[in-house]
Amino acid sequence: MKFGVMFANTGPFATPEGAAAIAQAAEQAGFDSIWTVEHVVVPVGYQSEYPYDKSGRMPGGEHTDIPDPLVWLAYVAAHTTTLKLGTGIVIANQRNPLVLAKEVATLDVLSGGRLLFGVGVGWLREEFDALGVPFEGRGKRLDECIEVMRALWSQDEASFEGELTSFRRAVSRPKPVAGTVPVIVGGHSNAAARRAGRLGDGFFPGKGSNERLRELFGIMRDAALEAGRDPEAIELTTGGAAAFAPDPVAALRELEEDLGVHRVVIPPLAFDPEEVGPALARFGDDVIAKVA
């Protein structure tokens, strides 16, 4: 099993010193990846419900630093050597897919092929309104965005004809190191599971009990088979509640053996650049060394 550090680009880790500290600490502690979050803007007083906390509000409030994930990961890439660079997630349907394809491929090349490109539909309606992007239809927009990016990454002179995007013989270089970038579909809904099955190289439900994860993974696998794809080739990532169970080794092995989970991500464990290294090192010794 592999392990990642989530929420890595927030708060104190938004600074150059903080970014380098958490990334290097994660690499040294045995984590395989580091994962960012994204909001271009957070409108003050938003009414949309944040889905990952019982309060319905984002941790830290509207004024927490959240650097652009791709720029932040480019900085981290220069301070690490093996650490995978994960976006968890980029709200890709808020962006121009041609510009995004260029940004993603550039980061992948500069990092030596280390990018894991997590995408999702987004939940903050007020952010979409501020950006002038329709909130309705965002799932369809994300599907097409993924297809556009893959066309630009894989074709020397790319052509695409979709409902929202159309171009012919467009050249976009550099190309990703492996010819493409792994697309990890984030989300804990049935629609996200189906999208992962149809289009994803990975699936990352941000929350859910083991029973709910089993259901989501089943939906994903059925969708993959319907699309003529191999569901076993889709990498599964989950949140890290099991890592903090009374017996974390047993809980993590259950995720791996019974549900087929490949990676678990946890929060930074310390929101201080000076303390995050020892905290992640302890987790590496106590958990990763016994499970990975």
C-alpha atoms as a PDB file:
ATOM      1  CA  MET A   1       0.000   0.000   0.000  1.00  0.00           C
ATOM      2  CA  LYS A   2       1.089   3.548  -0.773  1.00  0.00           C
ATOM      3  CA  PHE A   3       0.550   6.684   1.315  1.00  0.00           C
ATOM      4  CA  GLY A   4       0.076  10.343   0.492  1.00  0.00           C
ATOM      5  CA  VAL A   5      -0.158  13.655   2.352  1.00  0.00           C
ATOM      6  CA  MET A   6      -3.317  15.675   1.646  1.00  0.00           C
ATOM      7  CA  PHE A   7      -4.092  19.445   2.038  1.00  0.00           C
ATOM      8  CA  ALA A   8      -0.389  20.034   1.498  1.00  0.00           C
ATOM      9  CA  ASN A   9      -0.643  23.480  -0.137  1.00  0.00           C
ATOM     10  CA  THR A  10      -2.767  25.174   2.524  1.00  0.00           C
ATOM     11  CA  GLY A  11      -2.069  27.601   5.355  1.00  0.00           C
ATOM     12  CA  PRO A  12       1.531  27.549   6.589  1.00  0.00           C
ATOM     13  CA  PHE A  13       2.644  25.372   3.661  1.00  0.00           C
ATOM     14  CA  ALA A  14       1.740  28.103   1.161  1.00  0.00           C
ATOM     15  CA  THR A  15       5.122  29.759   1.766  1.00  0.00           C
ATOM     16  CA  PRO A  16       8.354  28.698   0.007  1.00  0.00           C
ATOM     17  CA  GLU A  17       9.779  27.417   3.305  1.00  0.00           C
ATOM     18  CA  GLY A  18       6.583  25.584   4.224  1.00  0.00           C
ATOM     19  CA  ALA A  19       6.186  23.976   0.812  1.00  0.00           C
ATOM     20  CA  ALA A  20       9.740  22.658   0.803  1.00  0.00           C
ATOM     21  CA  ALA A  21       9.464  21.471   4.409  1.00  0.00           C
ATOM     22  CA  ILE A  22       6.313  19.372   3.978  1.00  0.00           C
ATOM     23  CA  ALA A  23       7.357  17.922   0.629  1.00  0.00           C
ATOM     24  CA  GLN A  24      10.840  16.901   1.719  1.00  0.00           C
ATOM     25  CA  ALA A  25       9.506  15.530   5.007  1.00  0.00           C
ATOM     26  CA  ALA A  26       6.919  13.431   3.190  1.00  0.00           C
ATOM     27  CA  GLU A  27       9.519  12.046   0.787  1.00  0.00           C
ATOM     28  CA  GLN A  28      11.918  11.186   3.610  1.00  0.00           C
ATOM     29  CA  ALA A  29       9.173   9.538   5.706  1.00  0.00           C
ATOM     30  CA  GLY A  30       8.250   7.073   2.962  1.00  0.00           C
ATOM     31  CA  PHE A  31       5.144   8.707   1.504  1.00  0.00           C
ATOM     32  CA  ASP A  32       4.798   8.134  -2.229  1.00  0.00           C
ATOM     33  CA  SER A  33       2.850  11.312  -2.985  1.00  0.00           C
ATOM     34  CA  ILE A  34       1.745  14.754  -1.871  1.00  0.00           C
ATOM     35  CA  TRP A  35      -1.716  16.162  -2.695  1.00  0.00           C
ATOM     36  CA  THR A  36      -3.007  19.695  -3.157  1.00  0.00           C
ATOM     37  CA  VAL A  37      -6.465  21.248  -3.003  1.00  0.00           C
ATOM     38  CA  GLU A  38      -7.860  24.100  -5.095  1.00  0.00           C
ATOM     39  CA  HIS A  39     -10.124  27.122  -4.990  1.00  0.00           C
ATOM     40  CA  VAL A  40      -9.461  30.037  -7.315  1.00  0.00           C
ATOM     41  CA  VAL A  41     -11.626  32.231  -5.083  1.00  0.00           C
ATOM     42  CA  VAL A  42     -13.725  31.607  -1.977  1.00  0.00           C
ATOM     43  CA  PRO A  43     -16.609  34.086  -1.862  1.00  0.00           C
ATOM     44  CA  VAL A  44     -17.168  35.430   1.657  1.00  0.00           C
ATOM     45  CA  GLY A  45     -20.357  34.134   3.258  1.00  0.00           C
ATOM     46  CA  TYR A  46     -20.866  31.309   0.753  1.00  0.00           C
ATOM     47  CA  GLN A  47     -23.973  29.168   1.302  1.00  0.00           C
ATOM     48  CA  SER A  48     -22.898  26.017  -0.558  1.00  0.00           C
ATOM     49  CA  GLU A  49     -22.256  23.064   1.756  1.00  0.00           C
ATOM     50  CA  TYR A  50     -18.658  21.914   2.067  1.00  0.00           C
ATOM     51  CA  PRO A  51     -19.050  18.122   1.798  1.00  0.00           C
ATOM     52  CA  TYR A  52     -16.034  16.999   3.848  1.00  0.00           C
ATOM     53  CA  ASP A  53     -16.879  18.434   7.264  1.00  0.00           C
ATOM     54  CA  LYS A  54     -20.025  18.093   9.396  1.00  0.00           C
ATOM     55  CA  SER A  55     -20.107  21.865   9.831  1.00  0.00           C
ATOM     56  CA  GLY A  56     -20.575  22.340   6.088  1.00  0.00           C
ATOM     57  CA  ARG A  57     -17.757  24.900   6.144  1.00  0.00           C
ATOM     58  CA  MET A  58     -14.199  24.734   4.870  1.00  0.00           C
ATOM     59  CA  PRO A  59     -11.531  24.412   7.588  1.00  0.00           C
ATOM     60  CA  GLY A  60      -9.774  27.708   8.195  1.00  0.00           C
ATOM     61  CA  GLY A  61     -12.516  29.858   6.722  1.00  0.00           C
ATOM     62  CA  GLU A  62     -12.480  31.983   3.612  1.00  0.00           C
ATOM     63  CA  HIS A  63      -9.155  33.683   4.335  1.00  0.00           C
ATOM     64  CA  THR A  64      -6.873  30.614   4.378  1.00  0.00           C
ATOM     65  CA  ASP A  65      -4.033  30.663   1.842  1.00  0.00           C
ATOM     66  CA  ILE A  66      -4.642  28.154  -0.998  1.00  0.00           C
ATOM     67  CA  PRO A  67      -1.962  28.613  -3.704  1.00  0.00           C
ATOM     68  CA  ASP A  68      -2.620  27.497  -7.246  1.00  0.00           C
ATOM     69  CA  PRO A  69      -1.952  23.740  -7.137  1.00  0.00           C
ATOM     70  CA  LEU A  70       0.024  23.459 -10.367  1.00  0.00           C
ATOM     71  CA  VAL A  71       2.317  26.382  -9.568  1.00  0.00           C
ATOM     72  CA  TRP A  72       2.807  25.126  -5.996  1.00  0.00           C
ATOM     73  CA  LEU A  73       3.618  21.609  -7.229  1.00  0.00           C
ATOM     74  CA  ALA A  74       6.144  22.982  -9.716  1.00  0.00           C
ATOM     75  CA  TYR A  75       7.996  24.545  -6.793  1.00  0.00           C
ATOM     76  CA  VAL A  76       7.767  21.285  -4.827  1.00  0.00           C
ATOM     77  CA  ALA A  77       9.047  19.305  -7.825  1.00  0.00           C
ATOM     78  CA  ALA A  78      12.257  21.323  -7.716  1.00  0.00           C
ATOM     79  CA  HIS A  79      12.771  20.417  -4.036  1.00  0.00           C
ATOM     80  CA  THR A  80      12.120  16.656  -4.294  1.00  0.00           C
ATOM     81  CA  THR A  81      13.283  13.773  -6.456  1.00  0.00           C
ATOM     82  CA  THR A  82      10.847  10.837  -6.247  1.00  0.00           C
ATOM     83  CA  LEU A  83       7.682  12.196  -4.646  1.00  0.00           C
ATOM     84  CA  LYS A  84       4.569  11.912  -6.840  1.00  0.00           C
ATOM     85  CA  LEU A  85       2.749  15.225  -7.268  1.00  0.00           C
ATOM     86  CA  GLY A  86      -1.013  14.854  -6.861  1.00  0.00           C
ATOM     87  CA  THR A  87      -3.828  17.334  -7.327  1.00  0.00           C
ATOM     88  CA  GLY A  88      -6.702  16.434  -5.077  1.00  0.00           C
ATOM     89  CA  ILE A  89      -8.343  18.062  -6.915  1.00  0.00           C
ATOM     90  CA  VAL A  90      -8.115  20.589  -9.748  1.00  0.00           C
ATOM     91  CA  ILE A  91     -11.604  21.843 -10.630  1.00  0.00           C
ATOM     92  CA  ALA A  92     -10.829  21.305 -14.275  1.00  0.00           C
ATOM     93  CA  ASN A  93     -14.249  22.328 -15.585  1.00  0.00           C
ATOM     94  CA  GLN A  94     -13.578  25.892 -14.411  1.00  0.00           C
ATOM     95  CA  ARG A  95     -10.599  26.185 -16.767  1.00  0.00           C
ATOM     96  CA  ASN A  96      -9.969  26.377 -20.479  1.00  0.00           C
ATOM     97  CA  PRO A  97      -9.061  22.757 -21.351  1.00  0.00           C
ATOM     98  CA  LEU A  98      -6.423  23.693 -23.937  1.00  0.00           C
ATOM     99  CA  VAL A  99      -4.603  26.001 -21.527  1.00  0.00           C
ATOM    100  CA  LEU A 100      -4.911  23.404 -18.765  1.00  0.00           C
ATOM    101  CA  ALA A 101      -3.536  20.625 -20.997  1.00  0.00           C
ATOM    102  CA  LYS A 102      -0.433  22.754 -21.671  1.00  0.00           C
ATOM    103  CA  GLU A 103       0.055  23.559 -17.975  1.00  0.00           C
ATOM    104  CA  VAL A 104      -0.325  19.936 -16.894  1.00  0.00           C
ATOM    105  CA  ALA A 105       2.011  18.568 -19.577  1.00  0.00           C
ATOM    106  CA  THR A 106       4.620  21.216 -18.741  1.00  0.00           C
ATOM    107  CA  LEU A 107       4.567  20.327 -15.046  1.00  0.00           C
ATOM    108  CA  ASP A 108       4.777  16.621 -15.853  1.00  0.00           C
ATOM    109  CA  VAL A 109       7.851  17.173 -18.041  1.00  0.00           C
ATOM    110  CA  LEU A 110       9.603  19.451 -15.548  1.00  0.00           C
ATOM    111  CA  SER A 111       8.991  16.974 -12.717  1.00  0.00           C
ATOM    112  CA  GLY A 112      10.232  13.970 -14.693  1.00  0.00           C
ATOM    113  CA  GLY A 113       6.796  12.406 -15.129  1.00  0.00           C
ATOM    114  CA  ARG A 114       5.719  12.583 -11.504  1.00  0.00           C
ATOM    115  CA  LEU A 115       2.289  14.204 -11.868  1.00  0.00           C
ATOM    116  CA  LEU A 116      -0.953  12.527 -10.753  1.00  0.00           C
ATOM    117  CA  PHE A 117      -3.695  14.763 -12.138  1.00  0.00           C
ATOM    118  CA  GLY A 118      -6.729  14.576  -9.877  1.00  0.00           C
ATOM    119  CA  VAL A 119      -9.866  16.306 -11.162  1.00  0.00           C
ATOM    120  CA  GLY A 120     -13.369  16.897  -9.865  1.00  0.00           C
ATOM    121  CA  VAL A 121     -16.583  18.752 -10.607  1.00  0.00           C
ATOM    122  CA  GLY A 122     -16.469  21.191  -7.676  1.00  0.00           C
ATOM    123  CA  TRP A 123     -19.075  21.980  -5.015  1.00  0.00           C
ATOM    124  CA  LEU A 124     -18.828  25.755  -4.425  1.00  0.00           C
ATOM    125  CA  ARG A 125     -21.533  27.308  -6.613  1.00  0.00           C
ATOM    126  CA  GLU A 126     -20.540  30.834  -5.608  1.00  0.00           C
ATOM    127  CA  GLU A 127     -17.036  30.263  -6.964  1.00  0.00           C
ATOM    128  CA  PHE A 128     -18.436  29.202 -10.352  1.00  0.00           C
ATOM    129  CA  ASP A 129     -20.633  32.310 -10.359  1.00  0.00           C
ATOM    130  CA  ALA A 130     -17.627  34.547  -9.667  1.00  0.00           C
ATOM    131  CA  LEU A 131     -15.690  32.914 -12.508  1.00  0.00           C
ATOM    132  CA  GLY A 132     -18.599  33.207 -14.931  1.00  0.00           C
ATOM    133  CA  VAL A 133     -18.740  29.435 -15.424  1.00  0.00           C
ATOM    134  CA  PRO A 134     -22.135  27.642 -15.263  1.00  0.00           C
ATOM    135  CA  PHE A 135     -22.538  25.422 -12.199  1.00  0.00           C
ATOM    136  CA  GLU A 136     -25.138  23.285 -13.960  1.00  0.00           C
ATOM    137  CA  GLY A 137     -23.699  20.851 -16.471  1.00  0.00           C
ATOM    138  CA  ARG A 138     -20.311  20.840 -14.758  1.00  0.00           C
ATOM    139  CA  GLY A 139     -20.087  17.039 -14.946  1.00  0.00           C
ATOM    140  CA  LYS A 140     -20.482  17.030 -18.722  1.00  0.00           C
ATOM    141  CA  ARG A 141     -17.966  19.876 -18.942  1.00  0.00           C
ATOM    142  CA  LEU A 142     -15.442  17.855 -16.919  1.00  0.00           C
ATOM    143  CA  ASP A 143     -15.897  14.776 -19.105  1.00  0.00           C
ATOM    144  CA  GLU A 144     -15.176  16.788 -22.234  1.00  0.00           C
ATOM    145  CA  CYS A 145     -12.233  18.541 -20.583  1.00  0.00           C
ATOM    146  CA  ILE A 146     -10.589  15.175 -19.888  1.00  0.00           C
ATOM    147  CA  GLU A 147     -11.103  14.071 -23.485  1.00  0.00           C
ATOM    148  CA  VAL A 148      -9.713  17.344 -24.859  1.00  0.00           C
ATOM    149  CA  MET A 149      -6.581  17.144 -22.729  1.00  0.00           C
ATOM    150  CA  ARG A 150      -5.904  13.559 -23.695  1.00  0.00           C
ATOM    151  CA  ALA A 151      -6.267  14.423 -27.370  1.00  0.00           C
ATOM    152  CA  LEU A 152      -3.719  17.234 -27.039  1.00  0.00           C
ATOM    153  CA  TRP A 153      -1.325  15.060 -25.032  1.00  0.00           C
ATOM    154  CA  SER A 154      -1.441  12.064 -27.380  1.00  0.00           C
ATOM    155  CA  GLN A 155      -1.785  13.526 -30.885  1.00  0.00           C
ATOM    156  CA  ASP A 156       0.963  15.402 -32.733  1.00  0.00           C
ATOM    157  CA  GLU A 157      -1.662  17.504 -34.506  1.00  0.00           C
ATOM    158  CA  ALA A 158      -4.749  17.155 -32.361  1.00  0.00           C
ATOM    159  CA  SER A 159      -8.324  17.493 -33.553  1.00  0.00           C
ATOM    160  CA  PHE A 160     -11.438  17.431 -31.391  1.00  0.00           C
ATOM    161  CA  GLU A 161     -15.128  18.008 -32.006  1.00  0.00           C
ATOM    162  CA  GLY A 162     -17.266  18.241 -28.869  1.00  0.00           C
ATOM    163  CA  GLU A 163     -20.286  20.090 -27.549  1.00  0.00           C
ATOM    164  CA  LEU A 164     -18.183  22.784 -25.879  1.00  0.00           C
ATOM    165  CA  THR A 165     -14.771  22.597 -27.579  1.00  0.00           C
ATOM    166  CA  SER A 166     -13.776  22.240 -31.212  1.00  0.00           C
ATOM    167  CA  PHE A 167     -10.409  22.507 -32.969  1.00  0.00           C
ATOM    168  CA  ARG A 168      -8.451  20.950 -35.809  1.00  0.00           C
ATOM    169  CA  ARG A 169      -4.740  20.183 -36.199  1.00  0.00           C
ATOM    170  CA  ALA A 170      -3.751  21.970 -33.001  1.00  0.00           C
ATOM    171  CA  VAL A 171      -0.161  21.411 -31.838  1.00  0.00           C
ATOM    172  CA  SER A 172       0.443  21.411 -28.080  1.00  0.00           C
ATOM    173  CA  ARG A 173       3.956  20.732 -26.810  1.00  0.00           C
ATOM    174  CA  PRO A 174       5.699  19.569 -24.708  1.00  0.00           C
ATOM    175  CA  LYS A 175       4.079  16.164 -24.504  1.00  0.00           C
ATOM    176  CA  PRO A 176       3.857  14.366 -21.123  1.00  0.00           C
ATOM    177  CA  VAL A 177       6.759  12.072 -20.282  1.00  0.00           C
ATOM    178  CA  ALA A 178       4.732   8.871 -20.690  1.00  0.00           C
ATOM    179  CA  GLY A 179       2.614  10.228 -23.541  1.00  0.00           C
ATOM    180  CA  THR A 180      -0.218  11.020 -21.152  1.00  0.00           C
ATOM    181  CA  VAL A 181      -0.790  11.992 -17.517  1.00  0.00           C
ATOM    182  CA  PRO A 182      -2.740   9.745 -15.113  1.00  0.00           C
ATOM    183  CA  VAL A 183      -6.176  11.283 -14.546  1.00  0.00           C
ATOM    184  CA  ILE A 184      -7.528  10.577 -11.057  1.00  0.00           C
ATOM    185  CA  VAL A 185     -11.265  11.201 -10.734  1.00  0.00           C
ATOM    186  CA  GLY A 186     -12.162  12.638  -7.345  1.00  0.00           C
ATOM    187  CA  GLY A 187     -15.582  12.598  -5.705  1.00  0.00           C
ATOM    188  CA  HIS A 188     -17.761  10.430  -3.483  1.00  0.00           C
ATOM    189  CA  SER A 189     -20.954  10.379  -5.578  1.00  0.00           C
ATOM    190  CA  ASN A 190     -22.270   7.620  -7.803  1.00  0.00           C
ATOM    191  CA  ALA A 191     -21.692   9.930 -10.785  1.00  0.00           C
ATOM    192  CA  ALA A 192     -18.023  10.314  -9.839  1.00  0.00           C
ATOM    193  CA  ALA A 193     -17.683   6.531  -9.578  1.00  0.00           C
ATOM    194  CA  ARG A 194     -19.179   6.086 -13.046  1.00  0.00           C
ATOM    195  CA  ARG A 195     -16.896   8.817 -14.440  1.00  0.00           C
ATOM    196  CA  ALA A 196     -13.875   7.053 -12.945  1.00  0.00           C
ATOM    197  CA  GLY A 197     -14.944   3.810 -14.566  1.00  0.00           C
ATOM    198  CA  ARG A 198     -15.472   5.413 -17.979  1.00  0.00           C
ATOM    199  CA  LEU A 199     -12.535   7.816 -18.045  1.00  0.00           C
ATOM    200  CA  GLY A 200     -10.256   7.553 -15.023  1.00  0.00           C
ATOM    201  CA  ASP A 201      -6.824   6.095 -14.538  1.00  0.00           C
ATOM    202  CA  GLY A 202      -7.638   6.314 -10.841  1.00  0.00           C
ATOM    203  CA  PHE A 203     -10.555   6.955  -8.473  1.00  0.00           C
ATOM    204  CA  PHE A 204     -10.309   8.980  -5.263  1.00  0.00           C
ATOM    205  CA  PRO A 205     -13.465   9.183  -3.139  1.00  0.00           C
ATOM    206  CA  GLY A 206     -12.732  11.833  -0.530  1.00  0.00           C
ATOM    207  CA  LYS A 207     -14.895  10.225   2.133  1.00  0.00           C
ATOM    208  CA  GLY A 208     -17.040   7.185   2.894  1.00  0.00           C
ATOM    209  CA  SER A 209     -17.303   4.222   5.239  1.00  0.00           C
ATOM    210  CA  ASN A 210     -15.917   0.880   4.101  1.00  0.00           C
ATOM    211  CA  GLU A 211     -19.438  -0.130   3.130  1.00  0.00           C
ATOM    212  CA  ARG A 212     -19.928   3.012   1.048  1.00  0.00           C
ATOM    213  CA  LEU A 213     -16.489   2.626  -0.545  1.00  0.00           C
ATOM    214  CA  ARG A 214     -17.346  -0.953  -1.479  1.00  0.00           C
ATOM    215  CA  GLU A 215     -20.500   0.323  -3.169  1.00  0.00           C
ATOM    216  CA  LEU A 216     -18.674   3.101  -5.020  1.00  0.00           C
ATOM    217  CA  PHE A 217     -15.911   0.782  -6.186  1.00  0.00           C
ATOM    218  CA  GLY A 218     -18.549  -1.625  -7.477  1.00  0.00           C
ATOM    219  CA  ILE A 219     -20.228   1.141  -9.461  1.00  0.00           C
ATOM    220  CA  MET A 220     -16.838   2.178 -10.839  1.00  0.00           C
ATOM    221  CA  ARG A 221     -15.980  -1.367 -11.888  1.00  0.00           C
ATOM    222  CA  ASP A 222     -19.358  -1.902 -13.577  1.00  0.00           C
ATOM    223  CA  ALA A 223     -18.942   1.368 -15.505  1.00  0.00           C
ATOM    224  CA  ALA A 224     -15.447   0.349 -16.585  1.00  0.00           C
ATOM    225  CA  LEU A 225     -16.668  -2.987 -17.914  1.00  0.00           C
ATOM    226  CA  GLU A 226     -19.522  -1.275 -19.769  1.00  0.00           C
ATOM    227  CA  ALA A 227     -16.943   1.035 -21.388  1.00  0.00           C
ATOM    228  CA  GLY A 228     -14.754  -1.910 -22.400  1.00  0.00           C
ATOM    229  CA  ARG A 229     -12.048  -1.029 -19.888  1.00  0.00           C
ATOM    230  CA  ASP A 230     -10.192  -3.137 -17.302  1.00  0.00           C
ATOM    231  CA  PRO A 231     -11.443  -2.067 -13.843  1.00  0.00           C
ATOM    232  CA  GLU A 232      -8.402  -3.624 -12.183  1.00  0.00           C
ATOM    233  CA  ALA A 233      -6.163  -1.122 -13.987  1.00  0.00           C
ATOM    234  CA  ILE A 234      -7.865   1.811 -12.185  1.00  0.00           C
ATOM    235  CA  GLU A 235      -5.883   2.831  -9.096  1.00  0.00           C
ATOM    236  CA  LEU A 236      -7.939   3.362  -5.923  1.00  0.00           C
ATOM    237  CA  THR A 237      -7.082   6.080  -3.408  1.00  0.00           C
ATOM    238  CA  THR A 238      -9.025   6.853  -0.218  1.00  0.00           C
ATOM    239  CA  GLY A 239      -8.933   9.155   2.769  1.00  0.00           C
ATOM    240  CA  GLY A 240      -6.943   8.173   5.818  1.00  0.00           C
ATOM    241  CA  ALA A 241      -9.425   7.408   8.602  1.00  0.00           C
ATOM    242  CA  ALA A 242      -8.186   3.817   8.777  1.00  0.00           C
ATOM    243  CA  ALA A 243      -4.672   5.067   9.497  1.00  0.00           C
ATOM    244  CA  PHE A 244      -5.903   6.438  12.838  1.00  0.00           C
ATOM    245  CA  ALA A 245      -7.927   3.407  13.934  1.00  0.00           C
ATOM    246  CA  PRO A 246      -7.019   1.687  17.235  1.00  0.00           C
ATOM    247  CA  ASP A 247      -5.223  -0.947  15.151  1.00  0.00           C
ATOM    248  CA  PRO A 248      -4.191   0.986  12.017  1.00  0.00           C
ATOM    249  CA  VAL A 249      -2.226  -1.884  10.505  1.00  0.00           C
ATOM    250  CA  ALA A 250      -5.273  -4.181  10.578  1.00  0.00           C
ATOM    251  CA  ALA A 251      -7.599  -1.432   9.334  1.00  0.00           C
ATOM    252  CA  LEU A 252      -5.327  -0.559   6.441  1.00  0.00           C
ATOM    253  CA  ARG A 253      -4.832  -4.183   5.464  1.00  0.00           C
ATOM    254  CA  GLU A 254      -8.625  -4.567   5.371  1.00  0.00           C
ATOM    255  CA  LEU A 255      -8.829  -1.658   2.934  1.00  0.00           C
ATOM    256  CA  GLU A 256      -6.127  -3.216   0.790  1.00  0.00           C
ATOM    257  CA  GLU A 257      -7.192  -6.857   0.882  1.00  0.00           C
ATOM    258  CA  ASP A 258     -10.995  -6.545   1.038  1.00  0.00           C
ATOM    259  CA  LEU A 259     -11.600  -3.371  -0.969  1.00  0.00           C
ATOM    260  CA  GLY A 260      -8.551  -3.287  -3.243  1.00  0.00           C
ATOM    261  CA  VAL A 261      -7.357   0.150  -2.116  1.00  0.00           C
ATOM    262  CA  HIS A 262      -3.901   1.040  -3.440  1.00  0.00           C
ATOM    263  CA  ARG A 263      -3.221   4.327  -1.604  1.00  0.00           C
ATOM    264  CA  VAL A 264      -4.350   6.100   1.570  1.00  0.00           C
ATOM    265  CA  VAL A 265      -3.872   9.839   2.070  1.00  0.00           C
ATOM    266  CA  ILE A 266      -3.697  11.591   5.436  1.00  0.00           C
ATOM    267  CA  PRO A 267      -3.593  15.253   6.558  1.00  0.00           C
ATOM    268  CA  PRO A 268      -0.195  16.803   7.361  1.00  0.00           C
ATOM    269  CA  LEU A 269      -0.418  15.800  11.095  1.00  0.00           C
ATOM    270  CA  ALA A 270       1.160  19.136  12.064  1.00  0.00           C
ATOM    271  CA  PHE A 271       0.373  22.549  10.615  1.00  0.00           C
ATOM    272  CA  ASP A 272       3.775  24.001  11.368  1.00  0.00           C
ATOM    273  CA  PRO A 273       6.737  23.700   8.988  1.00  0.00           C
ATOM    274  CA  GLU A 274       9.088  22.938  11.890  1.00  0.00           C
ATOM    275  CA  GLU A 275       6.859  20.240  13.370  1.00  0.00           C
ATOM    276  CA  VAL A 276       5.603  18.520  10.227  1.00  0.00           C
ATOM    277  CA  GLY A 277       8.876  16.647   9.622  1.00  0.00           C
ATOM    278  CA  PRO A 278       8.960  14.826  12.966  1.00  0.00           C
ATOM    279  CA  ALA A 279       5.206  14.153  12.789  1.00  0.00           C
ATOM    280  CA  LEU A 280       5.394  12.546   9.354  1.00  0.00           C
ATOM    281  CA  ALA A 281       8.546  10.648  10.317  1.00  0.00           C
ATOM    282  CA  ARG A 282       6.738   9.093  13.289  1.00  0.00           C
ATOM    283  CA  PHE A 283       3.887   8.037  11.013  1.00  0.00           C
ATOM    284  CA  GLY A 284       6.417   6.541   8.633  1.00  0.00           C
ATOM    285  CA  ASP A 285       7.954   4.465  11.417  1.00  0.00           C
ATOM    286  CA  ASP A 286       4.691   3.502  13.143  1.00  0.00           C
ATOM    287  CA  VAL A 287       2.480   2.816  10.138  1.00  0.00           C
ATOM    288  CA  ILE A 288       4.077   2.996   6.688  1.00  0.00           C
ATOM    289  CA  ALA A 289       6.976   0.699   7.588  1.00  0.00           C
ATOM    290  CA  LYS A 290       4.508  -1.933   8.829  1.00  0.00           C
ATOM    291  CA  VAL A 291       2.039  -1.786   5.929  1.00  0.00           C
ATOM    292  CA  ALA A 292       3.687  -0.493   2.733  1.00  0.00           C
END
